[in-house]
Amino acid sequence: MGAHQDNNPALQSPKSVGFADLWYDARATAKTTIPSKIDLPLPRLVPFMSHIAMLKHEPDGRARYTLFGTGLAAAFGQDLTGQYADTPMNEEARAKLETVIAAFYEEHGRDALFGRWTMSKARTSTGRLIEFENLALPYREASDNSIRYIAHAITLTTLDYGEGMVERFPDTATRMFNAETDRPTWLEQDPASAALITESNVA
């Protein structure tokens, strides 16, 4: 990741910014590099809950959803709780994800904990192409001291009633970063973002 990429604000939705703020504030309050789930303040987390997913990596390295918010279930047209995170991806998207994660570990080391921001496109049940933003950050699960991930995803295109995503394409933009270091300067809202985020597009 070059300096140019690091310094350009990237986030499209103010809700993504708010989710990042919550995670970094929880980390600072707990005086740790990776907050535990109980460090994430519930009153601040509630407004994001419908579009929150929680993931656990299985021994085979694949991530499985342990929680898939109701808003996400409506947008994807199904509740993916218990399923692998790559379930809605096509083969090209899966291959690109594996390449990006492998490149992160090659740069930072296999023990590094990543944060991941993406912009993606998907085809809906009506044949439309829509865009959505996703930010995933690690947390520590106190019950077994494992590292898991909490992600917030939001559509940047208004979905019609009953419309859902049926195929997810490769990410159009991806930024991986070491989550144990300082917040990247680009992890703020892009002032040139054309996205109009309203409550109506997060059914």
Protein backbone atom coordinates (compact mmCIF):
# COMPACT_ATOMS: atom_id res chain seq x y z
CA MET A 1 0.00 0.00 0.00
CA GLY A 2 1.57 3.22 -1.15
CA ALA A 3 1.44 6.60 0.55
CA HIS A 4 -0.97 7.95 -2.03
CA GLN A 5 -3.50 5.25 -1.23
CA ASP A 6 -2.96 5.64 2.50
CA ASN A 7 -3.68 9.36 2.55
CA ASN A 8 -6.78 9.59 0.36
CA PRO A 9 -10.06 9.38 2.31
CA ALA A 10 -12.00 6.35 1.09
CA LEU A 11 -15.21 5.79 3.03
CA GLN A 12 -18.42 6.54 1.21
CA SER A 13 -21.03 6.33 3.97
CA PRO A 14 -21.08 8.34 7.21
CA LYS A 15 -22.31 5.13 8.85
CA SER A 16 -19.06 3.42 7.91
CA VAL A 17 -17.17 6.31 9.49
CA GLY A 18 -19.29 6.00 12.62
CA PHE A 19 -18.60 2.28 12.83
CA ALA A 20 -14.85 2.90 12.55
CA ASP A 21 -15.09 5.61 15.23
CA LEU A 22 -16.85 3.18 17.57
CA TRP A 23 -14.18 0.48 17.15
CA TYR A 24 -11.21 2.82 17.60
CA ASP A 25 -12.84 4.54 20.59
CA ALA A 26 -13.46 1.13 22.21
CA ARG A 27 -9.85 0.17 21.61
CA ALA A 28 -8.59 3.40 23.18
CA THR A 29 -10.90 3.09 26.19
CA ALA A 30 -9.82 -0.51 26.80
CA LYS A 31 -6.16 0.47 26.32
CA THR A 32 -5.54 -2.44 23.97
CA THR A 33 -4.77 -2.96 20.30
CA ILE A 34 -7.74 -5.26 19.69
CA PRO A 35 -10.93 -4.71 21.73
CA SER A 36 -12.93 -7.60 23.07
CA LYS A 37 -16.61 -7.92 22.24
CA ILE A 38 -17.57 -6.61 25.66
CA ASP A 39 -15.43 -3.51 25.05
CA LEU A 40 -17.77 -2.46 22.22
CA PRO A 41 -20.38 -0.26 23.94
CA LEU A 42 -23.84 -1.66 23.23
CA PRO A 43 -25.68 1.72 23.21
CA ARG A 44 -23.36 2.93 20.43
CA LEU A 45 -23.50 -0.41 18.61
CA VAL A 46 -27.30 -0.62 18.48
CA PRO A 47 -27.77 1.81 15.52
CA PHE A 48 -25.49 -0.40 13.42
CA MET A 49 -26.82 -3.81 14.50
CA SER A 50 -29.12 -4.53 11.56
CA HIS A 51 -26.15 -4.23 9.20
CA ILE A 52 -23.57 -5.96 11.40
CA ALA A 53 -22.09 -9.36 10.65
CA MET A 54 -19.81 -11.32 12.96
CA LEU A 55 -17.39 -13.87 11.57
CA LYS A 56 -15.27 -16.70 12.92
CA HIS A 57 -12.44 -18.31 10.95
CA GLU A 58 -12.67 -22.09 10.84
CA PRO A 59 -9.61 -24.42 10.90
CA ASP A 60 -9.70 -24.51 7.08
CA GLY A 61 -9.15 -20.74 7.05
CA ARG A 62 -12.58 -19.87 5.69
CA ALA A 63 -14.71 -17.35 7.58
CA ARG A 64 -18.17 -18.36 8.74
CA TYR A 65 -20.91 -15.95 9.81
CA THR A 66 -21.90 -16.36 13.46
CA LEU A 67 -24.29 -13.41 13.14
CA PHE A 68 -25.89 -11.84 10.07
CA GLY A 69 -27.99 -8.75 10.77
CA THR A 70 -31.61 -8.47 9.70
CA GLY A 71 -30.84 -5.55 7.38
CA LEU A 72 -28.12 -7.58 5.68
CA ALA A 73 -30.44 -10.57 5.39
CA ALA A 74 -33.00 -8.36 3.65
CA ALA A 75 -30.39 -6.89 1.29
CA PHE A 76 -28.86 -10.29 0.43
CA GLY A 77 -32.23 -11.98 0.21
CA GLN A 78 -31.25 -14.59 2.79
CA ASP A 79 -29.93 -14.99 6.33
CA LEU A 80 -26.34 -16.19 6.00
CA THR A 81 -25.85 -16.96 9.70
CA GLY A 82 -23.89 -20.20 9.92
CA GLN A 83 -22.76 -20.06 6.29
CA TYR A 84 -19.35 -19.27 4.87
CA ALA A 85 -18.74 -15.61 4.07
CA ASP A 86 -17.82 -16.45 0.49
CA THR A 87 -21.20 -18.13 -0.14
CA PRO A 88 -22.72 -15.26 -2.18
CA MET A 89 -19.50 -14.64 -4.15
CA ASN A 90 -18.86 -15.92 -7.64
CA GLU A 91 -15.60 -17.79 -8.37
CA GLU A 92 -13.76 -14.68 -9.54
CA ALA A 93 -14.69 -12.83 -6.35
CA ARG A 94 -13.49 -15.73 -4.17
CA ALA A 95 -10.17 -15.91 -5.99
CA LYS A 96 -9.62 -12.16 -5.67
CA LEU A 97 -10.37 -12.27 -1.93
CA GLU A 98 -7.83 -15.03 -1.39
CA THR A 99 -5.18 -13.11 -3.37
CA VAL A 100 -5.71 -9.89 -1.41
CA ILE A 101 -5.52 -11.61 1.99
CA ALA A 102 -2.42 -13.57 0.97
CA ALA A 103 -0.74 -10.31 -0.10
CA PHE A 104 -1.53 -8.77 3.29
CA TYR A 105 0.11 -11.66 5.16
CA GLU A 106 3.11 -11.55 2.87
CA GLU A 107 3.60 -7.86 3.69
CA HIS A 108 2.78 -7.88 7.41
CA GLY A 109 3.42 -11.44 8.58
CA ARG A 110 1.06 -14.35 9.20
CA ASP A 111 0.33 -13.29 12.79
CA ALA A 112 -0.78 -9.76 11.85
CA LEU A 113 -4.44 -8.92 12.40
CA PHE A 114 -6.05 -7.13 9.50
CA GLY A 115 -8.76 -4.60 8.98
CA ARG A 116 -10.42 -4.64 5.58
CA TRP A 117 -12.44 -2.06 3.65
CA THR A 118 -14.07 -2.87 0.35
CA MET A 119 -16.37 -1.48 -2.28
CA SER A 120 -18.30 -4.16 -4.14
CA LYS A 121 -20.96 -4.63 -6.77
CA ALA A 122 -23.76 -7.14 -6.85
CA ARG A 123 -26.63 -8.11 -9.11
CA THR A 124 -30.08 -7.93 -7.56
CA SER A 125 -33.11 -10.13 -8.05
CA THR A 126 -34.43 -7.58 -10.55
CA GLY A 127 -31.22 -7.64 -12.60
CA ARG A 128 -29.89 -4.29 -11.39
CA LEU A 129 -26.27 -3.69 -10.42
CA ILE A 130 -25.85 -2.07 -7.03
CA GLU A 131 -22.85 -0.97 -4.98
CA PHE A 132 -22.14 -1.57 -1.31
CA GLU A 133 -19.43 -0.71 1.20
CA ASN A 134 -18.01 -3.03 3.84
CA LEU A 135 -15.64 -2.45 6.76
CA ALA A 136 -14.40 -5.42 8.82
CA LEU A 137 -12.38 -5.10 12.03
CA PRO A 138 -11.11 -7.72 14.51
CA TYR A 139 -12.28 -8.28 18.06
CA ARG A 140 -11.34 -10.73 20.79
CA GLU A 141 -13.95 -13.29 21.84
CA ALA A 142 -13.63 -13.56 25.61
CA SER A 143 -15.16 -17.05 25.85
CA ASP A 144 -12.21 -18.68 24.08
CA ASN A 145 -9.76 -15.77 23.59
CA SER A 146 -10.01 -16.21 19.82
CA ILE A 147 -9.78 -13.41 17.29
CA ARG A 148 -12.96 -12.92 15.31
CA TYR A 149 -14.25 -10.19 13.02
CA ILE A 150 -17.11 -7.72 13.15
CA ALA A 151 -18.15 -6.13 9.88
CA HIS A 152 -20.54 -3.37 8.89
CA ALA A 153 -21.91 -3.41 5.35
CA ILE A 154 -24.23 -0.89 3.75
CA THR A 155 -25.71 -0.56 0.30
CA LEU A 156 -24.95 2.69 -1.50
CA THR A 157 -27.82 2.16 -3.90
CA THR A 158 -31.44 2.23 -2.79
CA LEU A 159 -33.03 -1.20 -2.89
CA ASP A 160 -36.66 -1.55 -3.91
CA TYR A 161 -39.06 -3.36 -1.59
CA GLY A 162 -38.40 -7.09 -1.78
CA GLU A 163 -35.31 -6.66 -3.94
CA GLY A 164 -32.21 -8.53 -2.81
CA MET A 165 -28.69 -9.34 -3.98
CA VAL A 166 -28.34 -12.65 -5.79
CA GLU A 167 -24.73 -12.52 -7.01
CA ARG A 168 -21.74 -10.70 -5.59
CA PHE A 169 -18.94 -9.71 -7.95
CA PRO A 170 -15.24 -9.10 -7.20
CA ASP A 171 -14.53 -6.08 -5.04
CA THR A 172 -14.03 -2.92 -7.07
CA ALA A 173 -11.79 -1.40 -4.37
CA THR A 174 -10.00 -3.00 -1.42
CA ARG A 175 -7.75 -1.64 1.31
CA MET A 176 -6.22 -3.99 3.84
CA PHE A 177 -4.37 -2.61 6.86
CA ASN A 178 -2.77 -3.72 10.09
CA ALA A 179 -5.52 -3.24 12.68
CA GLU A 180 -3.09 -3.19 15.60
CA THR A 181 -1.46 0.05 14.51
CA ASP A 182 -2.80 3.61 14.41
CA ARG A 183 -5.96 4.36 12.46
CA PRO A 184 -5.05 4.91 8.80
CA THR A 185 -5.55 8.50 7.68
CA TRP A 186 -7.64 7.31 4.73
CA LEU A 187 -10.20 5.65 7.03
CA GLU A 188 -12.38 8.76 6.88
CA GLN A 189 -15.17 9.78 4.54
CA ASP A 190 -14.22 10.77 1.02
CA PRO A 191 -15.31 14.43 0.68
CA ALA A 192 -15.99 13.77 -3.02
CA SER A 193 -18.32 10.84 -2.31
CA ALA A 194 -21.46 11.02 -4.41
CA ALA A 195 -23.24 8.48 -2.24
CA LEU A 196 -26.50 9.76 -0.77
CA ILE A 197 -27.01 7.70 2.36
CA THR A 198 -30.54 7.75 3.75
CA GLU A 199 -32.42 5.43 6.06
CA SER A 200 -34.54 4.31 3.11
CA ASN A 201 -31.70 2.37 1.48
CA VAL A 202 -30.97 0.12 4.44
CA ALA A 203 -34.25 -1.82 4.60
